[in-house]
Amino acid sequence: MTFTEIADYLEQRGWEPNLEDGTLSLDLRSSSVASGVVSVSTEALEGGGMLLRFDLQLDLYVGEDLMAEVMMGVNLLNRQLKVGTLYLEVGDEREDEDPDQEIFFVLGARGGVLLASLDADQLPLIERALRTFEEEISAALDSSLEVKQAIKA
């Protein structure tokens, strides 16, 4: 099974895959809170099978001053997720290496699915895992915003 076969299958199922230079990516736009691009990568396993990984870098940035509050929220949200996990990593877009510029963090999500084989019959499993990943991350982000707004109100 190749990325082209995966992309073709996902396109037939209503996704909008982007296959460029051997990299498969999908736009995430189902969340009212954030959008981003899911990058899909593979890792062949000894003895057969394949690990398909999803990596989503969201368009959500967190300042250093909110780090403790956001980390607690991310940890609580991760307990609810079945297919993926949320994470924070240091952003790398510092302008002119200004030492006074505040550090910021980017919110992302990772997930994956273990495939028993590289046969075409695994395509529905890939789509189901991607759909679950997208739905869980979107629901977690949407609900966290609703809770935050309710607390402020």
N, C-alpha and C. Protein backbone atom coordinates (compact mmCIF):
# COMPACT_ATOMS: atom_id res chain seq x y z
N MET A 1 0.85 -1.17 0.00
CA MET A 1 0.00 0.00 0.00
C MET A 1 0.90 1.24 0.00
N THR A 2 0.55 2.20 -0.83
CA THR A 2 1.34 3.43 -0.96
C THR A 2 0.52 4.63 -0.49
N PHE A 3 1.19 5.76 -0.31
CA PHE A 3 0.47 6.98 0.03
C PHE A 3 -0.52 7.37 -1.06
N THR A 4 -0.20 7.06 -2.30
CA THR A 4 -1.12 7.36 -3.40
C THR A 4 -2.41 6.56 -3.24
N GLU A 5 -2.29 5.28 -2.90
CA GLU A 5 -3.49 4.45 -2.68
C GLU A 5 -4.29 4.95 -1.48
N ILE A 6 -3.60 5.34 -0.42
CA ILE A 6 -4.28 5.87 0.76
C ILE A 6 -4.99 7.17 0.41
N ALA A 7 -4.29 8.07 -0.31
CA ALA A 7 -4.88 9.36 -0.70
C ALA A 7 -6.09 9.16 -1.60
N ASP A 8 -5.99 8.25 -2.56
CA ASP A 8 -7.13 7.97 -3.45
C ASP A 8 -8.33 7.46 -2.66
N TYR A 9 -8.11 6.55 -1.74
CA TYR A 9 -9.19 6.00 -0.93
C TYR A 9 -9.83 7.10 -0.09
N LEU A 10 -9.01 7.91 0.57
CA LEU A 10 -9.55 8.97 1.42
C LEU A 10 -10.33 10.00 0.60
N GLU A 11 -9.86 10.28 -0.60
CA GLU A 11 -10.57 11.23 -1.46
C GLU A 11 -11.96 10.68 -1.84
N GLN A 12 -12.03 9.38 -2.12
CA GLN A 12 -13.32 8.75 -2.43
C GLN A 12 -14.27 8.80 -1.24
N ARG A 13 -13.71 8.90 -0.03
CA ARG A 13 -14.50 8.91 1.20
C ARG A 13 -14.81 10.33 1.69
N GLY A 14 -14.50 11.35 0.86
CA GLY A 14 -14.87 12.71 1.21
C GLY A 14 -13.78 13.56 1.83
N TRP A 15 -12.59 13.03 1.99
CA TRP A 15 -11.47 13.81 2.51
C TRP A 15 -10.85 14.59 1.36
N GLU A 16 -10.01 15.54 1.69
CA GLU A 16 -9.27 16.30 0.68
C GLU A 16 -7.77 16.14 0.94
N PRO A 17 -7.23 14.99 0.55
CA PRO A 17 -5.81 14.73 0.80
C PRO A 17 -4.92 15.54 -0.14
N ASN A 18 -3.74 15.85 0.35
CA ASN A 18 -2.74 16.53 -0.45
C ASN A 18 -1.50 15.64 -0.47
N LEU A 19 -1.12 15.20 -1.65
CA LEU A 19 0.04 14.33 -1.80
C LEU A 19 1.08 15.10 -2.58
N GLU A 20 2.16 15.47 -1.89
CA GLU A 20 3.19 16.28 -2.51
C GLU A 20 4.57 15.79 -2.06
N ASP A 21 5.44 15.53 -2.99
CA ASP A 21 6.80 15.08 -2.70
C ASP A 21 6.83 13.87 -1.75
N GLY A 22 5.90 12.95 -1.95
CA GLY A 22 5.88 11.74 -1.14
C GLY A 22 5.33 11.94 0.26
N THR A 23 4.73 13.10 0.53
CA THR A 23 4.16 13.38 1.84
C THR A 23 2.65 13.52 1.72
N LEU A 24 1.94 12.84 2.60
CA LEU A 24 0.49 12.90 2.63
C LEU A 24 0.06 13.84 3.76
N SER A 25 -0.82 14.79 3.43
CA SER A 25 -1.34 15.69 4.46
C SER A 25 -2.83 15.92 4.22
N LEU A 26 -3.52 16.28 5.30
CA LEU A 26 -4.96 16.52 5.27
C LEU A 26 -5.25 17.78 6.08
N ASP A 27 -6.13 18.63 5.58
CA ASP A 27 -6.52 19.83 6.33
C ASP A 27 -7.54 19.45 7.39
N LEU A 28 -7.34 20.00 8.60
CA LEU A 28 -8.32 19.85 9.67
C LEU A 28 -9.05 21.18 9.79
N ARG A 29 -10.33 21.16 9.52
CA ARG A 29 -11.12 22.38 9.60
C ARG A 29 -12.42 22.16 10.35
N SER A 30 -12.57 21.01 11.01
CA SER A 30 -13.85 20.71 11.65
C SER A 30 -13.98 21.35 13.03
N SER A 31 -12.90 21.88 13.58
CA SER A 31 -12.97 22.52 14.88
C SER A 31 -13.28 23.99 14.73
N SER A 32 -14.14 24.50 15.61
CA SER A 32 -14.42 25.93 15.59
C SER A 32 -13.32 26.70 16.30
N VAL A 33 -12.43 26.00 16.97
CA VAL A 33 -11.36 26.63 17.75
C VAL A 33 -10.08 26.79 16.94
N ALA A 34 -9.72 25.77 16.20
CA ALA A 34 -8.43 25.80 15.51
C ALA A 34 -8.48 25.02 14.22
N SER A 35 -7.52 25.30 13.38
CA SER A 35 -7.36 24.53 12.16
C SER A 35 -5.88 24.16 12.07
N GLY A 36 -5.59 23.24 11.20
CA GLY A 36 -4.22 22.82 11.02
C GLY A 36 -4.13 21.77 9.94
N VAL A 37 -2.95 21.25 9.76
CA VAL A 37 -2.70 20.24 8.74
C VAL A 37 -2.20 18.97 9.42
N VAL A 38 -2.85 17.85 9.11
CA VAL A 38 -2.43 16.55 9.62
C VAL A 38 -1.42 15.98 8.65
N SER A 39 -0.22 15.73 9.12
CA SER A 39 0.81 15.07 8.32
C SER A 39 0.77 13.58 8.66
N VAL A 40 0.80 12.75 7.64
CA VAL A 40 0.72 11.31 7.83
C VAL A 40 2.08 10.71 7.44
N SER A 41 2.62 9.88 8.31
CA SER A 41 3.89 9.21 8.01
C SER A 41 3.75 7.73 8.36
N THR A 42 4.65 6.94 7.85
CA THR A 42 4.60 5.49 8.09
C THR A 42 5.93 4.99 8.62
N GLU A 43 5.84 3.87 9.29
CA GLU A 43 7.03 3.19 9.76
C GLU A 43 6.78 1.69 9.62
N ALA A 44 7.59 1.04 8.80
CA ALA A 44 7.45 -0.41 8.62
C ALA A 44 7.91 -1.11 9.89
N LEU A 45 7.22 -2.17 10.25
CA LEU A 45 7.54 -2.91 11.46
C LEU A 45 8.20 -4.23 11.12
N GLU A 46 9.11 -4.64 11.97
CA GLU A 46 9.73 -5.96 11.78
C GLU A 46 8.64 -7.02 11.89
N GLY A 47 8.68 -7.99 11.04
CA GLY A 47 7.68 -9.05 11.06
C GLY A 47 6.41 -8.71 10.31
N GLY A 48 6.42 -7.59 9.60
CA GLY A 48 5.25 -7.19 8.82
C GLY A 48 4.42 -6.14 9.53
N GLY A 49 3.55 -5.58 8.80
CA GLY A 49 2.70 -4.54 9.35
C GLY A 49 3.33 -3.16 9.22
N MET A 50 2.56 -2.18 9.66
CA MET A 50 3.01 -0.80 9.51
C MET A 50 2.37 0.05 10.60
N LEU A 51 3.12 1.00 11.10
CA LEU A 51 2.60 1.99 12.02
C LEU A 51 2.36 3.26 11.22
N LEU A 52 1.12 3.72 11.20
CA LEU A 52 0.75 4.94 10.50
C LEU A 52 0.59 6.02 11.57
N ARG A 53 1.37 7.09 11.46
CA ARG A 53 1.35 8.17 12.45
C ARG A 53 0.67 9.41 11.88
N PHE A 54 -0.07 10.11 12.75
CA PHE A 54 -0.70 11.37 12.40
C PHE A 54 -0.07 12.45 13.28
N ASP A 55 0.32 13.54 12.69
CA ASP A 55 0.87 14.66 13.45
C ASP A 55 0.16 15.92 13.00
N LEU A 56 -0.46 16.61 13.93
CA LEU A 56 -1.26 17.79 13.64
C LEU A 56 -0.69 18.98 14.40
N GLN A 57 -0.17 19.95 13.67
CA GLN A 57 0.27 21.19 14.30
C GLN A 57 -0.85 22.20 14.13
N LEU A 58 -1.47 22.55 15.23
CA LEU A 58 -2.62 23.44 15.20
C LEU A 58 -2.18 24.89 15.10
N ASP A 59 -3.09 25.72 14.65
CA ASP A 59 -2.83 27.15 14.58
C ASP A 59 -3.23 27.80 15.91
N LEU A 60 -2.74 27.22 17.01
CA LEU A 60 -2.98 27.76 18.35
C LEU A 60 -1.64 27.99 19.03
N TYR A 61 -1.44 29.19 19.52
CA TYR A 61 -0.18 29.56 20.14
C TYR A 61 -0.44 29.97 21.58
N VAL A 62 0.46 29.60 22.48
CA VAL A 62 0.30 29.86 23.90
C VAL A 62 1.51 30.65 24.38
N GLY A 63 1.24 31.75 25.07
CA GLY A 63 2.32 32.55 25.65
C GLY A 63 2.87 31.89 26.90
N GLU A 64 4.08 32.25 27.25
CA GLU A 64 4.76 31.67 28.41
C GLU A 64 3.98 31.92 29.70
N ASP A 65 3.29 33.06 29.80
CA ASP A 65 2.56 33.41 31.01
C ASP A 65 1.35 32.50 31.27
N LEU A 66 0.84 31.83 30.26
CA LEU A 66 -0.32 30.95 30.42
C LEU A 66 0.07 29.47 30.46
N MET A 67 1.35 29.20 30.46
CA MET A 67 1.83 27.83 30.32
C MET A 67 1.29 26.87 31.38
N ALA A 68 1.30 27.25 32.63
CA ALA A 68 0.86 26.35 33.71
C ALA A 68 -0.62 25.99 33.54
N GLU A 69 -1.45 26.98 33.27
CA GLU A 69 -2.89 26.75 33.09
C GLU A 69 -3.15 25.86 31.88
N VAL A 70 -2.47 26.12 30.80
CA VAL A 70 -2.67 25.35 29.57
C VAL A 70 -2.19 23.92 29.74
N MET A 71 -1.06 23.73 30.42
CA MET A 71 -0.55 22.36 30.64
C MET A 71 -1.54 21.53 31.46
N MET A 72 -2.15 22.13 32.47
CA MET A 72 -3.16 21.40 33.25
C MET A 72 -4.34 21.02 32.36
N GLY A 73 -4.77 21.94 31.52
CA GLY A 73 -5.87 21.66 30.60
C GLY A 73 -5.53 20.57 29.61
N VAL A 74 -4.33 20.62 29.04
CA VAL A 74 -3.89 19.60 28.08
C VAL A 74 -3.85 18.22 28.75
N ASN A 75 -3.35 18.16 29.98
CA ASN A 75 -3.30 16.88 30.69
C ASN A 75 -4.70 16.32 30.93
N LEU A 76 -5.63 17.18 31.31
CA LEU A 76 -7.01 16.72 31.51
C LEU A 76 -7.65 16.26 30.21
N LEU A 77 -7.43 16.99 29.13
CA LEU A 77 -7.99 16.62 27.83
C LEU A 77 -7.41 15.30 27.33
N ASN A 78 -6.12 15.08 27.56
CA ASN A 78 -5.48 13.85 27.09
C ASN A 78 -6.08 12.59 27.71
N ARG A 79 -6.64 12.71 28.89
CA ARG A 79 -7.27 11.56 29.55
C ARG A 79 -8.50 11.08 28.80
N GLN A 80 -9.11 11.96 28.02
CA GLN A 80 -10.34 11.63 27.30
C GLN A 80 -10.10 11.07 25.90
N LEU A 81 -8.90 11.24 25.38
CA LEU A 81 -8.62 10.88 23.99
C LEU A 81 -8.26 9.39 23.88
N LYS A 82 -8.78 8.74 22.83
CA LYS A 82 -8.52 7.32 22.60
C LYS A 82 -7.44 7.10 21.55
N VAL A 83 -7.42 7.95 20.53
CA VAL A 83 -6.55 7.72 19.38
C VAL A 83 -5.33 8.64 19.37
N GLY A 84 -5.40 9.75 20.06
CA GLY A 84 -4.30 10.71 19.98
C GLY A 84 -3.98 11.34 21.31
N THR A 85 -3.06 12.28 21.28
CA THR A 85 -2.65 13.02 22.46
C THR A 85 -2.30 14.45 22.05
N LEU A 86 -2.62 15.39 22.90
CA LEU A 86 -2.25 16.78 22.67
C LEU A 86 -0.88 17.03 23.28
N TYR A 87 -0.13 17.96 22.72
CA TYR A 87 1.19 18.30 23.26
C TYR A 87 1.48 19.77 22.99
N LEU A 88 2.44 20.30 23.69
CA LEU A 88 2.94 21.66 23.48
C LEU A 88 4.41 21.57 23.15
N GLU A 89 4.85 22.38 22.19
CA GLU A 89 6.27 22.45 21.90
C GLU A 89 6.65 23.91 21.68
N VAL A 90 7.89 24.21 21.93
CA VAL A 90 8.36 25.59 21.81
C VAL A 90 8.26 26.02 20.36
N GLY A 91 7.67 27.20 20.14
CA GLY A 91 7.60 27.77 18.80
C GLY A 91 8.97 28.22 18.34
N ASP A 92 9.19 28.26 17.06
CA ASP A 92 10.52 28.59 16.55
C ASP A 92 10.56 29.82 15.66
N GLU A 93 9.56 30.66 15.73
CA GLU A 93 9.50 31.84 14.87
C GLU A 93 9.91 33.11 15.61
N ARG A 94 11.08 33.11 16.18
CA ARG A 94 11.57 34.29 16.90
C ARG A 94 12.13 35.29 15.89
N GLU A 95 11.70 36.52 16.03
CA GLU A 95 12.14 37.57 15.12
C GLU A 95 13.49 38.13 15.56
N ASP A 96 14.46 38.15 14.67
CA ASP A 96 15.77 38.77 14.90
C ASP A 96 16.46 38.29 16.17
N GLU A 97 16.09 37.11 16.63
CA GLU A 97 16.71 36.55 17.84
C GLU A 97 16.73 37.57 18.99
N ASP A 98 15.66 38.32 19.14
CA ASP A 98 15.51 39.32 20.19
C ASP A 98 15.44 38.61 21.54
N PRO A 99 16.41 38.85 22.45
CA PRO A 99 16.41 38.14 23.73
C PRO A 99 15.24 38.53 24.63
N ASP A 100 14.61 39.67 24.36
CA ASP A 100 13.48 40.12 25.17
C ASP A 100 12.14 39.59 24.66
N GLN A 101 12.16 38.98 23.50
CA GLN A 101 10.91 38.45 22.94
C GLN A 101 10.44 37.25 23.76
N GLU A 102 9.16 37.26 24.08
CA GLU A 102 8.59 36.20 24.90
C GLU A 102 8.59 34.88 24.13
N ILE A 103 8.88 33.81 24.84
CA ILE A 103 8.81 32.47 24.25
C ILE A 103 7.33 32.10 24.10
N PHE A 104 7.00 31.42 23.02
CA PHE A 104 5.64 30.95 22.84
C PHE A 104 5.66 29.46 22.51
N PHE A 105 4.52 28.83 22.69
CA PHE A 105 4.38 27.39 22.48
C PHE A 105 3.28 27.14 21.47
N VAL A 106 3.46 26.08 20.71
CA VAL A 106 2.49 25.68 19.69
C VAL A 106 1.77 24.43 20.20
N LEU A 107 0.45 24.43 20.09
CA LEU A 107 -0.33 23.27 20.48
C LEU A 107 -0.44 22.33 19.29
N GLY A 108 -0.20 21.06 19.54
CA GLY A 108 -0.30 20.06 18.48
C GLY A 108 -0.95 18.80 19.00
N ALA A 109 -1.14 17.85 18.12
CA ALA A 109 -1.74 16.56 18.48
C ALA A 109 -1.06 15.47 17.66
N ARG A 110 -0.92 14.32 18.28
CA ARG A 110 -0.35 13.16 17.59
C ARG A 110 -1.25 11.96 17.83
N GLY A 111 -1.25 11.08 16.86
CA GLY A 111 -2.00 9.84 16.98
C GLY A 111 -1.43 8.82 16.02
N GLY A 112 -2.06 7.68 15.97
CA GLY A 112 -1.57 6.67 15.05
C GLY A 112 -2.45 5.43 15.07
N VAL A 113 -2.13 4.55 14.16
CA VAL A 113 -2.84 3.28 14.07
C VAL A 113 -1.85 2.21 13.62
N LEU A 114 -1.97 1.05 14.23
CA LEU A 114 -1.13 -0.09 13.89
C LEU A 114 -1.87 -0.96 12.89
N LEU A 115 -1.26 -1.16 11.75
CA LEU A 115 -1.88 -1.96 10.68
C LEU A 115 -1.26 -3.34 10.66
N ALA A 116 -2.10 -4.35 10.56
CA ALA A 116 -1.62 -5.73 10.56
C ALA A 116 -0.85 -6.07 9.30
N SER A 117 -1.21 -5.41 8.21
CA SER A 117 -0.55 -5.69 6.93
C SER A 117 -0.57 -4.43 6.08
N LEU A 118 0.00 -4.52 4.92
CA LEU A 118 0.00 -3.41 3.98
C LEU A 118 -1.01 -3.63 2.87
N ASP A 119 -1.98 -4.48 3.12
CA ASP A 119 -2.99 -4.81 2.13
C ASP A 119 -4.06 -3.73 2.07
N ALA A 120 -4.75 -3.68 0.94
CA ALA A 120 -5.80 -2.68 0.72
C ALA A 120 -6.97 -2.82 1.70
N ASP A 121 -7.14 -3.99 2.29
CA ASP A 121 -8.25 -4.16 3.24
C ASP A 121 -8.03 -3.37 4.53
N GLN A 122 -6.86 -2.78 4.69
CA GLN A 122 -6.56 -1.95 5.86
C GLN A 122 -7.01 -0.49 5.67
N LEU A 123 -7.39 -0.13 4.44
CA LEU A 123 -7.79 1.26 4.15
C LEU A 123 -8.97 1.74 5.01
N PRO A 124 -10.01 0.94 5.22
CA PRO A 124 -11.10 1.41 6.10
C PRO A 124 -10.63 1.68 7.53
N LEU A 125 -9.68 0.89 8.02
CA LEU A 125 -9.13 1.10 9.36
C LEU A 125 -8.39 2.44 9.42
N ILE A 126 -7.63 2.75 8.38
CA ILE A 126 -6.91 4.03 8.32
C ILE A 126 -7.90 5.19 8.36
N GLU A 127 -8.94 5.09 7.54
CA GLU A 127 -9.93 6.17 7.49
C GLU A 127 -10.66 6.31 8.82
N ARG A 128 -11.00 5.20 9.45
CA ARG A 128 -11.70 5.23 10.73
C ARG A 128 -10.81 5.85 11.82
N ALA A 129 -9.53 5.50 11.82
CA ALA A 129 -8.60 6.07 12.80
C ALA A 129 -8.41 7.58 12.58
N LEU A 130 -8.28 7.99 11.33
CA LEU A 130 -8.15 9.42 11.02
C LEU A 130 -9.41 10.18 11.42
N ARG A 131 -10.56 9.61 11.13
CA ARG A 131 -11.84 10.25 11.46
C ARG A 131 -11.97 10.39 12.99
N THR A 132 -11.65 9.32 13.71
CA THR A 132 -11.72 9.36 15.18
C THR A 132 -10.74 10.38 15.73
N PHE A 133 -9.53 10.40 15.19
CA PHE A 133 -8.51 11.37 15.61
C PHE A 133 -9.03 12.80 15.41
N GLU A 134 -9.54 13.08 14.22
CA GLU A 134 -10.06 14.41 13.91
C GLU A 134 -11.21 14.78 14.83
N GLU A 135 -12.16 13.87 15.01
CA GLU A 135 -13.34 14.15 15.85
C GLU A 135 -12.95 14.37 17.31
N GLU A 136 -12.06 13.52 17.84
CA GLU A 136 -11.67 13.65 19.24
C GLU A 136 -10.91 14.94 19.50
N ILE A 137 -9.97 15.28 18.64
CA ILE A 137 -9.19 16.50 18.84
C ILE A 137 -10.10 17.72 18.72
N SER A 138 -10.96 17.72 17.70
CA SER A 138 -11.88 18.84 17.52
C SER A 138 -12.82 18.98 18.71
N ALA A 139 -13.40 17.88 19.17
CA ALA A 139 -14.32 17.92 20.31
C ALA A 139 -13.60 18.39 21.58
N ALA A 140 -12.37 17.92 21.78
CA ALA A 140 -11.61 18.33 22.97
C ALA A 140 -11.34 19.83 22.95
N LEU A 141 -10.93 20.34 21.80
CA LEU A 141 -10.64 21.77 21.69
C LEU A 141 -11.90 22.60 21.82
N ASP A 142 -12.97 22.17 21.17
CA ASP A 142 -14.24 22.91 21.24
C ASP A 142 -14.79 22.93 22.66
N SER A 143 -14.75 21.79 23.34
CA SER A 143 -15.29 21.74 24.71
C SER A 143 -14.43 22.53 25.67
N SER A 144 -13.12 22.54 25.47
CA SER A 144 -12.26 23.31 26.37
C SER A 144 -12.54 24.80 26.23
N LEU A 145 -12.85 25.27 25.03
CA LEU A 145 -13.19 26.67 24.85
C LEU A 145 -14.53 26.99 25.49
N GLU A 146 -15.52 26.08 25.36
CA GLU A 146 -16.83 26.30 25.96
C GLU A 146 -16.72 26.38 27.48
N VAL A 147 -15.92 25.50 28.09
CA VAL A 147 -15.74 25.51 29.54
C VAL A 147 -15.08 26.81 29.97
N LYS A 148 -14.06 27.24 29.25
CA LYS A 148 -13.34 28.46 29.60
C LYS A 148 -14.28 29.67 29.52
N GLN A 149 -15.12 29.72 28.49
CA GLN A 149 -16.06 30.83 28.35
C GLN A 149 -17.11 30.78 29.46
N ALA A 150 -17.54 29.59 29.86
CA ALA A 150 -18.55 29.46 30.92
C ALA A 150 -17.98 29.92 32.26
N ILE A 151 -16.71 29.60 32.51
CA ILE A 151 -16.07 30.02 33.77
C ILE A 151 -15.95 31.54 33.81
N LYS A 152 -15.60 32.17 32.71
CA LYS A 152 -15.46 33.63 32.67
C LYS A 152 -16.81 34.33 32.80
N ALA A 153 -17.89 33.70 32.35
CA ALA A 153 -19.22 34.32 32.36
C ALA A 153 -19.82 34.34 33.71
